[in-house]
C-alpha atoms as a PDB file:
ATOM      1  CA  MET A   1       0.000   0.000   0.000  1.00  0.00           C
ATOM      2  CA  LEU A   2       1.215   3.508  -0.844  1.00  0.00           C
ATOM      3  CA  VAL A   3      -0.271   6.724   0.444  1.00  0.00           C
ATOM      4  CA  ARG A   4       1.319  10.051  -0.482  1.00  0.00           C
ATOM      5  CA  ASP A   5       0.125  13.577   0.259  1.00  0.00           C
ATOM      6  CA  LEU A   6       0.631  15.915  -2.690  1.00  0.00           C
ATOM      7  CA  HIS A   7      -0.004  19.205  -0.891  1.00  0.00           C
ATOM      8  CA  SER A   8       1.489  19.222   2.583  1.00  0.00           C
ATOM      9  CA  PRO A   9       0.915  22.863   3.698  1.00  0.00           C
ATOM     10  CA  ALA A  10     -22.186  10.543  22.428  1.00  0.00           C
ATOM     11  CA  ARG A  11     -22.480   7.681  19.900  1.00  0.00           C
ATOM     12  CA  ARG A  12     -20.736   4.338  19.722  1.00  0.00           C
ATOM     13  CA  PRO A  13     -19.294   2.962  16.492  1.00  0.00           C
ATOM     14  CA  TRP A  14     -21.072   0.058  14.895  1.00  0.00           C
ATOM     15  CA  ARG A  15     -20.199  -3.530  15.608  1.00  0.00           C
ATOM     16  CA  VAL A  16     -20.844  -6.109  12.918  1.00  0.00           C
ATOM     17  CA  ARG A  17     -20.170  -9.788  12.426  1.00  0.00           C
ATOM     18  CA  TRP A  18     -18.252 -10.137   9.195  1.00  0.00           C
ATOM     19  CA  THR A  19     -18.868 -13.037   6.826  1.00  0.00           C
ATOM     20  CA  ALA A  20     -16.275 -14.468   4.469  1.00  0.00           C
ATOM     21  CA  LYS A  21     -17.920 -12.576   1.627  1.00  0.00           C
ATOM     22  CA  CYS A  22     -17.616  -9.286   3.485  1.00  0.00           C
ATOM     23  CA  ARG A  23     -13.909  -9.855   3.941  1.00  0.00           C
ATOM     24  CA  MET A  24     -13.376 -10.008   0.208  1.00  0.00           C
ATOM     25  CA  ALA A  25     -12.421  -6.604  -1.149  1.00  0.00           C
ATOM     26  CA  ASN A  26     -13.266  -7.042  -4.818  1.00  0.00           C
ATOM     27  CA  THR A  27     -15.526  -9.959  -5.712  1.00  0.00           C
ATOM     28  CA  ASN A  28     -18.542  -8.319  -7.350  1.00  0.00           C
ATOM     29  CA  ALA A  29     -19.420  -7.260 -10.876  1.00  0.00           C
ATOM     30  CA  VAL A  30     -18.332  -3.791 -11.975  1.00  0.00           C
ATOM     31  CA  GLN A  31     -21.135  -1.254 -11.605  1.00  0.00           C
ATOM     32  CA  ARG A  32     -21.601   0.907 -14.728  1.00  0.00           C
ATOM     33  CA  PRO A  33     -18.942  -1.108 -16.638  1.00  0.00           C
ATOM     34  CA  GLU A  34     -19.090   1.060 -19.770  1.00  0.00           C
ATOM     35  CA  GLU A  35     -18.747   4.361 -17.920  1.00  0.00           C
ATOM     36  CA  LEU A  36     -15.690   6.177 -19.277  1.00  0.00           C
ATOM     37  CA  VAL A  37     -12.824   7.300 -17.038  1.00  0.00           C
ATOM     38  CA  ASP A  38      -9.418   8.868 -17.640  1.00  0.00           C
ATOM     39  CA  VAL A  39      -6.196   7.090 -16.699  1.00  0.00           C
ATOM     40  CA  VAL A  40      -3.455   9.191 -15.090  1.00  0.00           C
ATOM     41  CA  ASP A  41       0.207   8.722 -14.228  1.00  0.00           C
ATOM     42  CA  GLU A  42       1.911   9.108 -10.843  1.00  0.00           C
ATOM     43  CA  ARG A  43       2.101  12.880 -11.368  1.00  0.00           C
ATOM     44  CA  ASN A  44      -1.702  12.944 -11.860  1.00  0.00           C
ATOM     45  CA  VAL A  45      -1.372  13.776 -15.562  1.00  0.00           C
ATOM     46  CA  VAL A  46      -3.934  12.220 -17.926  1.00  0.00           C
ATOM     47  CA  VAL A  47      -2.270   9.615 -20.161  1.00  0.00           C
ATOM     48  CA  ARG A  48      -5.364   7.840 -21.581  1.00  0.00           C
ATOM     49  CA  ARG A  49      -8.843   9.265 -22.037  1.00  0.00           C
ATOM     50  CA  GLY A  50     -12.156   7.459 -22.233  1.00  0.00           C
ATOM     51  CA  VAL A  51     -11.200   4.060 -20.819  1.00  0.00           C
ATOM     52  CA  PRO A  52     -14.211   1.860 -19.866  1.00  0.00           C
ATOM     53  CA  ARG A  53     -14.564   1.425 -16.139  1.00  0.00           C
ATOM     54  CA  ARG A  54     -14.492  -2.370 -16.493  1.00  0.00           C
ATOM     55  CA  VAL A  55     -11.026  -2.137 -18.099  1.00  0.00           C
ATOM     56  CA  MET A  56      -9.822   0.225 -15.377  1.00  0.00           C
ATOM     57  CA  ARG A  57     -10.943  -2.272 -12.720  1.00  0.00           C
ATOM     58  CA  ARG A  58      -9.626  -5.311 -14.581  1.00  0.00           C
ATOM     59  CA  ASP A  59      -6.145  -3.833 -15.019  1.00  0.00           C
ATOM     60  CA  ASN A  60      -6.174  -1.774 -11.793  1.00  0.00           C
ATOM     61  CA  LEU A  61      -5.317   1.384 -13.726  1.00  0.00           C
ATOM     62  CA  LEU A  62      -4.466   4.602 -11.923  1.00  0.00           C
ATOM     63  CA  HIS A  63      -7.439   6.985 -12.051  1.00  0.00           C
ATOM     64  CA  ARG A  64      -8.984   9.915 -10.207  1.00  0.00           C
ATOM     65  CA  CYS A  65     -11.501   9.792  -7.359  1.00  0.00           C
ATOM     66  CA  SER A  66     -13.191  12.341  -5.142  1.00  0.00           C
ATOM     67  CA  PHE A  67     -13.536  11.881  -1.371  1.00  0.00           C
ATOM     68  CA  VAL A  68     -15.905  14.029   0.688  1.00  0.00           C
ATOM     69  CA  LEU A  69     -15.901  14.523   4.456  1.00  0.00           C
ATOM     70  CA  VAL A  70     -19.489  15.384   5.347  1.00  0.00           C
ATOM     71  CA  PHE A  71     -19.595  17.139   8.707  1.00  0.00           C
ATOM     72  CA  HIS A  72     -22.585  18.029  10.870  1.00  0.00           C
ATOM     73  CA  SER A  73     -22.560  21.585  12.206  1.00  0.00           C
ATOM     74  CA  ASN A  74     -21.773  20.054  15.625  1.00  0.00           C
ATOM     75  CA  GLY A  75     -18.498  18.589  14.287  1.00  0.00           C
ATOM     76  CA  GLU A  76     -19.563  14.972  13.820  1.00  0.00           C
ATOM     77  CA  LEU A  77     -18.605  13.126  10.621  1.00  0.00           C
ATOM     78  CA  PHE A  78     -21.072  11.179   8.490  1.00  0.00           C
ATOM     79  CA  VAL A  79     -20.026   7.555   7.924  1.00  0.00           C
ATOM     80  CA  GLN A  80     -21.847   5.308   5.496  1.00  0.00           C
ATOM     81  CA  ARG A  81     -21.775   1.553   5.010  1.00  0.00           C
ATOM     82  CA  ARG A  82     -21.466   0.354   1.429  1.00  0.00           C
ATOM     83  CA  VAL A  83     -23.857  -2.193  -0.039  1.00  0.00           C
ATOM     84  CA  SER A  84     -22.790  -5.851  -0.127  1.00  0.00           C
ATOM     85  CA  PHE A  85     -22.703  -5.901  -3.941  1.00  0.00           C
ATOM     86  CA  LYS A  86     -20.398  -2.882  -4.340  1.00  0.00           C
ATOM     87  CA  GLU A  87     -17.637  -3.588  -6.882  1.00  0.00           C
ATOM     88  CA  THR A  88     -14.821  -2.676  -4.457  1.00  0.00           C
ATOM     89  CA  TYR A  89     -14.774  -3.087  -0.676  1.00  0.00           C
ATOM     90  CA  PRO A  90     -18.371  -4.375  -0.324  1.00  0.00           C
ATOM     91  CA  SER A  91     -19.991  -3.969   3.091  1.00  0.00           C
ATOM     92  CA  HIS A  92     -17.107  -1.758   4.248  1.00  0.00           C
ATOM     93  CA  TYR A  93     -17.631   1.462   6.167  1.00  0.00           C
ATOM     94  CA  ASP A  94     -16.854   4.627   4.233  1.00  0.00           C
ATOM     95  CA  PRO A  95     -16.059   7.813   6.186  1.00  0.00           C
ATOM     96  CA  ALA A  96     -15.170   9.782   3.023  1.00  0.00           C
ATOM     97  CA  PRO A  97     -17.667   8.840   0.301  1.00  0.00           C
ATOM     98  CA  GLY A  98     -17.211  10.109  -3.234  1.00  0.00           C
ATOM     99  CA  GLY A  99     -16.619   8.387  -6.519  1.00  0.00           C
ATOM    100  CA  VAL A 100     -14.647   7.708  -9.665  1.00  0.00           C
ATOM    101  CA  VAL A 101     -14.131  10.880 -11.688  1.00  0.00           C
ATOM    102  CA  GLY A 102     -15.595  10.496 -15.158  1.00  0.00           C
ATOM    103  CA  SER A 103     -13.735  11.201 -18.384  1.00  0.00           C
ATOM    104  CA  ASP A 104     -13.280  14.971 -18.807  1.00  0.00           C
ATOM    105  CA  GLU A 105     -15.073  15.556 -15.469  1.00  0.00           C
ATOM    106  CA  THR A 106     -13.364  17.695 -12.822  1.00  0.00           C
ATOM    107  CA  TYR A 107     -12.856  16.590  -9.235  1.00  0.00           C
ATOM    108  CA  GLU A 108     -15.244  19.315  -8.101  1.00  0.00           C
ATOM    109  CA  GLU A 109     -17.958  18.325 -10.550  1.00  0.00           C
ATOM    110  CA  ASN A 110     -17.620  14.704  -9.492  1.00  0.00           C
ATOM    111  CA  ALA A 111     -17.776  15.463  -5.768  1.00  0.00           C
ATOM    112  CA  LYS A 112     -20.988  17.455  -6.201  1.00  0.00           C
ATOM    113  CA  ARG A 113     -22.538  14.835  -8.483  1.00  0.00           C
ATOM    114  CA  GLU A 114     -21.684  11.930  -6.196  1.00  0.00           C
ATOM    115  CA  MET A 115     -23.009  13.662  -3.080  1.00  0.00           C
ATOM    116  CA  GLU A 116     -26.289  14.421  -4.842  1.00  0.00           C
ATOM    117  CA  GLU A 117     -26.685  10.916  -6.289  1.00  0.00           C
ATOM    118  CA  GLU A 118     -25.568   8.898  -3.253  1.00  0.00           C
ATOM    119  CA  MET A 119     -26.796  11.032  -0.371  1.00  0.00           C
ATOM    120  CA  GLY A 120     -29.202  13.673  -1.670  1.00  0.00           C
ATOM    121  CA  ILE A 121     -26.867  16.554  -0.769  1.00  0.00           C
ATOM    122  CA  ARG A 122     -27.500  19.586  -2.990  1.00  0.00           C
ATOM    123  CA  GLY A 123     -26.429  23.207  -3.029  1.00  0.00           C
ATOM    124  CA  VAL A 124     -23.686  22.768  -0.421  1.00  0.00           C
ATOM    125  CA  GLU A 125     -20.250  24.346  -0.743  1.00  0.00           C
ATOM    126  CA  MET A 126     -17.436  21.820  -1.224  1.00  0.00           C
ATOM    127  CA  THR A 127     -14.031  22.948   0.058  1.00  0.00           C
ATOM    128  CA  ALA A 128     -11.009  21.216  -1.499  1.00  0.00           C
ATOM    129  CA  LEU A 129      -8.460  20.169   1.133  1.00  0.00           C
ATOM    130  CA  PHE A 130      -5.649  18.122  -0.437  1.00  0.00           C
ATOM    131  CA  ASP A 131      -4.728  15.615  -3.139  1.00  0.00           C
ATOM    132  CA  PHE A 132      -3.158  12.243  -2.358  1.00  0.00           C
ATOM    133  CA  LEU A 133      -1.977   9.118  -4.129  1.00  0.00           C
ATOM    134  CA  TYR A 134      -3.269   5.764  -2.857  1.00  0.00           C
ATOM    135  CA  GLN A 135      -2.383   2.353  -4.309  1.00  0.00           C
ATOM    136  CA  ASP A 136      -3.082  -1.237  -3.320  1.00  0.00           C
ATOM    137  CA  GLU A 137      -3.836  -4.509  -5.111  1.00  0.00           C
ATOM    138  CA  ILE A 138      -7.496  -3.520  -5.563  1.00  0.00           C
ATOM    139  CA  THR A 139      -7.427   0.134  -6.531  1.00  0.00           C
ATOM    140  CA  ARG A 140      -4.988   2.853  -7.563  1.00  0.00           C
ATOM    141  CA  VAL A 141      -6.254   6.411  -7.240  1.00  0.00           C
ATOM    142  CA  TRP A 142      -5.242  10.019  -7.258  1.00  0.00           C
ATOM    143  CA  GLY A 143      -7.747  11.339  -4.757  1.00  0.00           C
ATOM    144  CA  ARG A 144      -8.879  14.839  -3.948  1.00  0.00           C
ATOM    145  CA  THR A 145     -10.417  15.291  -0.519  1.00  0.00           C
ATOM    146  CA  PHE A 146     -13.196  17.807   0.073  1.00  0.00           C
ATOM    147  CA  LYS A 147     -15.197  18.797   3.126  1.00  0.00           C
ATOM    148  CA  CYS A 148     -18.681  20.204   3.518  1.00  0.00           C
ATOM    149  CA  VAL A 149     -21.124  20.944   6.315  1.00  0.00           C
ATOM    150  CA  TYR A 150     -24.581  19.407   5.988  1.00  0.00           C
ATOM    151  CA  ASP A 151     -26.987  18.455   8.764  1.00  0.00           C
ATOM    152  CA  GLY A 152     -29.454  16.547   6.568  1.00  0.00           C
ATOM    153  CA  PRO A 153     -31.842  15.227   5.554  1.00  0.00           C
ATOM    154  CA  PHE A 154     -30.163  12.447   3.577  1.00  0.00           C
ATOM    155  CA  VAL A 155     -31.602  10.411   0.727  1.00  0.00           C
ATOM    156  CA  LEU A 156     -29.312   7.374   0.517  1.00  0.00           C
ATOM    157  CA  GLN A 157     -28.983   5.675  -2.870  1.00  0.00           C
ATOM    158  CA  ASP A 158     -29.879   2.017  -2.296  1.00  0.00           C
ATOM    159  CA  SER A 159     -27.623   0.834  -5.130  1.00  0.00           C
ATOM    160  CA  GLU A 160     -24.601   2.295  -3.320  1.00  0.00           C
ATOM    161  CA  VAL A 161     -25.313   2.839   0.375  1.00  0.00           C
ATOM    162  CA  GLU A 162     -26.749   0.423   2.912  1.00  0.00           C
ATOM    163  CA  SER A 163     -26.882   2.807   5.877  1.00  0.00           C
ATOM    164  CA  GLY A 164     -25.186   5.815   7.441  1.00  0.00           C
ATOM    165  CA  ARG A 165     -24.969   7.990  10.530  1.00  0.00           C
ATOM    166  CA  PHE A 166     -23.054  10.854  12.084  1.00  0.00           C
ATOM    167  CA  MET A 167     -20.261   9.903  14.488  1.00  0.00           C
ATOM    168  CA  LYS A 168     -17.985  11.793  16.832  1.00  0.00           C
ATOM    169  CA  LEU A 169     -14.407  12.048  15.578  1.00  0.00           C
ATOM    170  CA  GLU A 170     -13.139   9.998  18.518  1.00  0.00           C
ATOM    171  CA  ASP A 171     -15.490   7.198  17.511  1.00  0.00           C
ATOM    172  CA  VAL A 172     -14.423   7.532  13.879  1.00  0.00           C
ATOM    173  CA  LYS A 173     -10.806   7.032  14.969  1.00  0.00           C
ATOM    174  CA  LYS A 174     -11.816   3.812  16.743  1.00  0.00           C
ATOM    175  CA  LEU A 175     -13.785   2.701  13.691  1.00  0.00           C
ATOM    176  CA  LEU A 176     -10.688   3.124  11.508  1.00  0.00           C
ATOM    177  CA  GLN A 177      -8.758   0.755  13.755  1.00  0.00           C
ATOM    178  CA  GLU A 178     -11.404  -1.804  14.662  1.00  0.00           C
ATOM    179  CA  GLU A 179     -13.695  -2.289  11.655  1.00  0.00           C
ATOM    180  CA  LYS A 180     -13.582  -2.956   7.917  1.00  0.00           C
ATOM    181  CA  VAL A 181     -13.151   0.476   6.371  1.00  0.00           C
ATOM    182  CA  CYS A 182     -12.499   1.344   2.715  1.00  0.00           C
ATOM    183  CA  PRO A 183      -8.707   1.763   2.780  1.00  0.00           C
ATOM    184  CA  ASP A 184      -8.565   4.692   0.344  1.00  0.00           C
ATOM    185  CA  SER A 185     -11.183   6.591   2.357  1.00  0.00           C
ATOM    186  CA  LYS A 186      -9.345   5.609   5.528  1.00  0.00           C
ATOM    187  CA  ALA A 187      -6.180   7.164   4.075  1.00  0.00           C
ATOM    188  CA  ALA A 188      -8.077  10.381   3.301  1.00  0.00           C
ATOM    189  CA  VAL A 189      -9.505  10.629   6.821  1.00  0.00           C
ATOM    190  CA  GLU A 190      -6.179   9.828   8.485  1.00  0.00           C
ATOM    191  CA  LYS A 191      -4.491  12.559   6.441  1.00  0.00           C
ATOM    192  CA  TYR A 192      -7.209  14.996   7.496  1.00  0.00           C
ATOM    193  CA  LEU A 193      -6.790  14.037  11.155  1.00  0.00           C
ATOM    194  CA  GLU A 194      -3.002  14.441  10.892  1.00  0.00           C
ATOM    195  CA  ARG A 195      -3.539  17.972   9.661  1.00  0.00           C
ATOM    196  CA  LEU A 196      -5.845  18.705  12.597  1.00  0.00           C
ATOM    197  CA  ASP A 197      -3.146  17.539  15.008  1.00  0.00           C
ATOM    198  CA  VAL A 198      -0.534  19.778  13.346  1.00  0.00           C
ATOM    199  CA  SER A 199      -2.701  22.903  13.256  1.00  0.00           C
END
C-alpha cells in the first residue's frame, strides 16, 4: 500500500459480524462497466482518455476519485456503510464517500454529483483540502479530498449505500482501527486528522 500527500501545507461505532464474503475486497461485478474514465500517471497527468470502467478495474489502472468529508454543524462526521454488492470493498464502512471521476469531469464536478446521487446533498459548498496518491492490489487512485457541512436530511442511494450515521471524531478514529473500512477513504480521513493535530 502507498499513500502520499501531494499538498502538505455521544455515539458508539457500529459492531458487525463479518462473513467471508464481506472480507473479500473485490468480488462483485463492476457497476456501470461502460462508464468512461481517464487514466493518469503518478504525477496525476492524464495519459489515456475514455477508458471503460471495467477495463480500469480489470487492469487496476491509476485513475482519479473524489472523497468528501461530510460534517454536521456540531463537528460529527457522516459515515456510510457500502452495499454488499459494491464492486470494491463491499460492506465496508466509508467515512469519506465520493466516486470515480468520469472522463473529462473535474474533481469538483464529481464530488458534487456523487453527493447528490448517493446522499441527496444539494447546493452545499465543497471545500477542497488536499490531493493524495493511494495504491493497493485492488485500486490505484489520485484522490482529492473535500469537506462540507450538511446536517441533513439524507436520501441514501440504495444501489450504493446500505446505511449511514453521524459519528464523533473519537469514535471515527476507533472505527478506523477496529472495523472494515475502505482503505482509500481511511487514508483520506487519516491525512485529514493528521492535519488537525498539526494545526
